[in-house]
N, C-alpha and C. Protein backbone atom coordinates (compact mmCIF):
# COMPACT_ATOMS: atom_id res chain seq x y z
N MET A 1 83.15 80.97 109.95
CA MET A 1 83.98 80.41 108.90
C MET A 1 85.25 81.24 108.76
N ALA A 2 86.38 80.59 108.69
CA ALA A 2 87.67 81.27 108.61
C ALA A 2 87.89 81.82 107.20
N THR A 3 88.57 82.96 107.16
CA THR A 3 89.01 83.56 105.90
C THR A 3 90.50 83.30 105.78
N GLU A 4 90.92 82.71 104.67
CA GLU A 4 92.32 82.36 104.47
C GLU A 4 92.99 83.39 103.57
N ILE A 5 94.12 83.91 104.03
CA ILE A 5 94.92 84.83 103.22
C ILE A 5 96.08 84.01 102.67
N ARG A 6 96.24 84.04 101.36
CA ARG A 6 97.25 83.24 100.68
C ARG A 6 98.28 84.18 100.05
N THR A 7 99.47 83.65 99.79
CA THR A 7 100.51 84.46 99.18
C THR A 7 100.08 84.85 97.76
N GLN A 8 100.39 86.09 97.40
CA GLN A 8 100.00 86.60 96.08
C GLN A 8 100.96 86.14 94.99
N THR A 9 102.20 85.87 95.37
CA THR A 9 103.24 85.51 94.42
C THR A 9 104.28 84.66 95.12
N ALA A 10 105.13 84.02 94.37
CA ALA A 10 106.23 83.26 94.97
C ALA A 10 107.27 84.23 95.51
N GLY A 11 107.94 83.84 96.59
CA GLY A 11 108.98 84.69 97.16
C GLY A 11 109.31 84.30 98.57
N ASN A 12 109.91 85.22 99.30
CA ASN A 12 110.34 84.99 100.69
C ASN A 12 109.54 85.87 101.63
N VAL A 13 109.24 85.35 102.80
CA VAL A 13 108.57 86.16 103.82
C VAL A 13 109.65 87.00 104.49
N TRP A 14 109.46 88.30 104.50
CA TRP A 14 110.41 89.19 105.15
C TRP A 14 110.04 89.38 106.62
N LYS A 15 108.75 89.69 106.86
CA LYS A 15 108.34 90.01 108.23
C LYS A 15 106.88 89.63 108.43
N VAL A 16 106.59 88.93 109.53
CA VAL A 16 105.23 88.61 109.94
C VAL A 16 104.85 89.58 111.06
N LEU A 17 103.73 90.27 110.90
CA LEU A 17 103.35 91.33 111.84
C LEU A 17 102.23 90.92 112.80
N VAL A 18 101.71 89.70 112.68
CA VAL A 18 100.60 89.25 113.53
C VAL A 18 100.91 87.88 114.12
N LYS A 19 100.15 87.53 115.17
CA LYS A 19 100.24 86.20 115.77
C LYS A 19 98.82 85.76 116.13
N PRO A 20 98.60 84.47 116.34
CA PRO A 20 97.26 84.02 116.70
C PRO A 20 96.73 84.78 117.92
N GLY A 21 95.47 85.16 117.84
CA GLY A 21 94.82 85.91 118.90
C GLY A 21 94.78 87.41 118.67
N ASP A 22 95.60 87.91 117.74
CA ASP A 22 95.60 89.35 117.44
C ASP A 22 94.32 89.75 116.72
N ALA A 23 93.76 90.88 117.12
CA ALA A 23 92.62 91.48 116.40
C ALA A 23 93.18 92.37 115.31
N VAL A 24 92.61 92.27 114.11
CA VAL A 24 93.04 93.10 112.98
C VAL A 24 91.84 93.79 112.36
N ALA A 25 92.10 94.94 111.77
CA ALA A 25 91.08 95.68 111.03
C ALA A 25 91.27 95.42 109.54
N GLU A 26 90.22 95.61 108.79
CA GLU A 26 90.33 95.49 107.34
C GLU A 26 91.42 96.44 106.85
N GLY A 27 92.33 95.93 106.04
CA GLY A 27 93.41 96.75 105.50
C GLY A 27 94.70 96.71 106.29
N ASP A 28 94.68 96.14 107.51
CA ASP A 28 95.92 96.02 108.29
C ASP A 28 96.89 95.09 107.56
N VAL A 29 98.18 95.42 107.61
CA VAL A 29 99.20 94.57 107.00
C VAL A 29 99.45 93.39 107.94
N LEU A 30 99.36 92.17 107.38
CA LEU A 30 99.54 90.95 108.15
C LEU A 30 100.98 90.44 108.06
N PHE A 31 101.53 90.48 106.85
CA PHE A 31 102.91 90.06 106.64
C PHE A 31 103.42 90.71 105.36
N ILE A 32 104.74 90.73 105.23
CA ILE A 32 105.38 91.36 104.07
C ILE A 32 106.30 90.34 103.43
N MET A 33 106.13 90.18 102.13
CA MET A 33 107.01 89.29 101.37
C MET A 33 108.04 90.12 100.63
N GLU A 34 109.18 89.50 100.35
CA GLU A 34 110.19 90.12 99.51
C GLU A 34 110.20 89.35 98.19
N VAL A 35 109.94 90.09 97.12
CA VAL A 35 109.89 89.48 95.80
C VAL A 35 110.76 90.32 94.88
N MET A 36 111.86 89.75 94.41
CA MET A 36 112.78 90.45 93.52
C MET A 36 113.18 91.82 94.10
N LYS A 37 113.55 91.81 95.38
CA LYS A 37 114.02 93.00 96.10
C LYS A 37 112.92 94.05 96.35
N MET A 38 111.67 93.69 96.09
CA MET A 38 110.55 94.59 96.36
C MET A 38 109.75 94.04 97.53
N GLU A 39 109.23 94.93 98.37
CA GLU A 39 108.37 94.52 99.47
C GLU A 39 106.93 94.43 98.97
N VAL A 40 106.28 93.31 99.27
CA VAL A 40 104.89 93.09 98.87
C VAL A 40 104.06 92.84 100.13
N PRO A 41 103.35 93.88 100.62
CA PRO A 41 102.54 93.69 101.82
C PRO A 41 101.27 92.90 101.52
N HIS A 42 100.86 92.06 102.44
CA HIS A 42 99.61 91.31 102.34
C HIS A 42 98.71 91.82 103.46
N THR A 43 97.52 92.27 103.11
CA THR A 43 96.63 92.91 104.08
C THR A 43 95.40 92.06 104.38
N ALA A 44 94.77 92.40 105.48
CA ALA A 44 93.54 91.71 105.89
C ALA A 44 92.38 92.18 105.01
N PRO A 45 91.67 91.26 104.37
CA PRO A 45 90.53 91.64 103.54
C PRO A 45 89.29 91.99 104.37
N ILE A 46 89.30 91.56 105.63
CA ILE A 46 88.18 91.81 106.55
C ILE A 46 88.74 92.06 107.95
N ALA A 47 87.93 92.62 108.83
CA ALA A 47 88.30 92.71 110.24
C ALA A 47 88.06 91.36 110.89
N GLY A 48 88.88 91.00 111.86
CA GLY A 48 88.69 89.73 112.54
C GLY A 48 89.81 89.45 113.51
N THR A 49 89.89 88.20 113.93
CA THR A 49 90.92 87.75 114.85
C THR A 49 91.78 86.71 114.14
N VAL A 50 93.08 86.83 114.28
CA VAL A 50 94.00 85.87 113.66
C VAL A 50 93.85 84.54 114.37
N SER A 51 93.50 83.50 113.62
CA SER A 51 93.33 82.17 114.21
C SER A 51 94.53 81.27 113.94
N ALA A 52 95.29 81.55 112.87
CA ALA A 52 96.47 80.74 112.55
C ALA A 52 97.42 81.54 111.67
N VAL A 53 98.71 81.28 111.85
CA VAL A 53 99.75 81.87 111.01
C VAL A 53 100.60 80.71 110.50
N HIS A 54 100.68 80.58 109.17
CA HIS A 54 101.39 79.46 108.55
C HIS A 54 102.74 79.87 107.98
N VAL A 55 103.14 81.13 108.15
CA VAL A 55 104.42 81.62 107.64
C VAL A 55 105.23 82.17 108.81
N ALA A 56 106.54 82.34 108.58
CA ALA A 56 107.43 82.83 109.64
C ALA A 56 108.39 83.86 109.06
N ASN A 57 108.91 84.71 109.95
CA ASN A 57 109.92 85.68 109.54
C ASN A 57 111.07 84.97 108.83
N ASP A 58 111.54 85.55 107.74
CA ASP A 58 112.69 85.06 106.98
C ASP A 58 112.47 83.69 106.33
N GLN A 59 111.23 83.26 106.20
CA GLN A 59 110.94 81.99 105.52
C GLN A 59 111.19 82.18 104.04
N GLU A 60 111.92 81.25 103.44
CA GLU A 60 112.31 81.37 102.04
C GLU A 60 111.60 80.34 101.17
N GLY A 61 111.44 80.70 99.90
CA GLY A 61 110.99 79.76 98.89
C GLY A 61 109.51 79.41 98.91
N LEU A 62 108.65 80.35 99.31
CA LEU A 62 107.22 80.08 99.27
C LEU A 62 106.69 80.14 97.85
N ASP A 63 105.76 79.28 97.54
CA ASP A 63 105.09 79.30 96.25
C ASP A 63 103.96 80.31 96.25
N ALA A 64 103.54 80.72 95.08
CA ALA A 64 102.36 81.56 94.96
C ALA A 64 101.15 80.77 95.44
N ASP A 65 100.19 81.43 96.04
CA ASP A 65 98.93 80.86 96.50
C ASP A 65 99.11 79.88 97.67
N ALA A 66 100.18 80.05 98.44
CA ALA A 66 100.39 79.22 99.63
C ALA A 66 99.58 79.80 100.79
N PRO A 67 99.02 78.96 101.65
CA PRO A 67 98.28 79.48 102.81
C PRO A 67 99.24 80.21 103.74
N ALA A 68 98.81 81.38 104.24
CA ALA A 68 99.69 82.19 105.08
C ALA A 68 99.07 82.52 106.44
N VAL A 69 97.86 83.10 106.42
CA VAL A 69 97.20 83.54 107.65
C VAL A 69 95.73 83.21 107.56
N GLU A 70 95.13 82.84 108.70
CA GLU A 70 93.68 82.60 108.76
C GLU A 70 93.07 83.58 109.75
N LEU A 71 91.91 84.15 109.37
CA LEU A 71 91.17 85.07 110.22
C LEU A 71 89.79 84.50 110.52
N ASP A 72 89.35 84.69 111.76
CA ASP A 72 87.96 84.35 112.14
C ASP A 72 87.19 85.62 112.29
């Protein structure tokens, strides 16, 4: 069963650090959002393999709780 990582707050994606097929450890940073000039890293809650990435570098105007990354 896939684990879905969702955006914590509304804002812009600054940098995506993973792609499908990447292995990640619990706590690895998956992507970083920019919210009111602050960087907000989103980390992997579990170890696994990235199965999908729904965000892109410099993507603007994401809502809070939007799907971002899926891990298997």
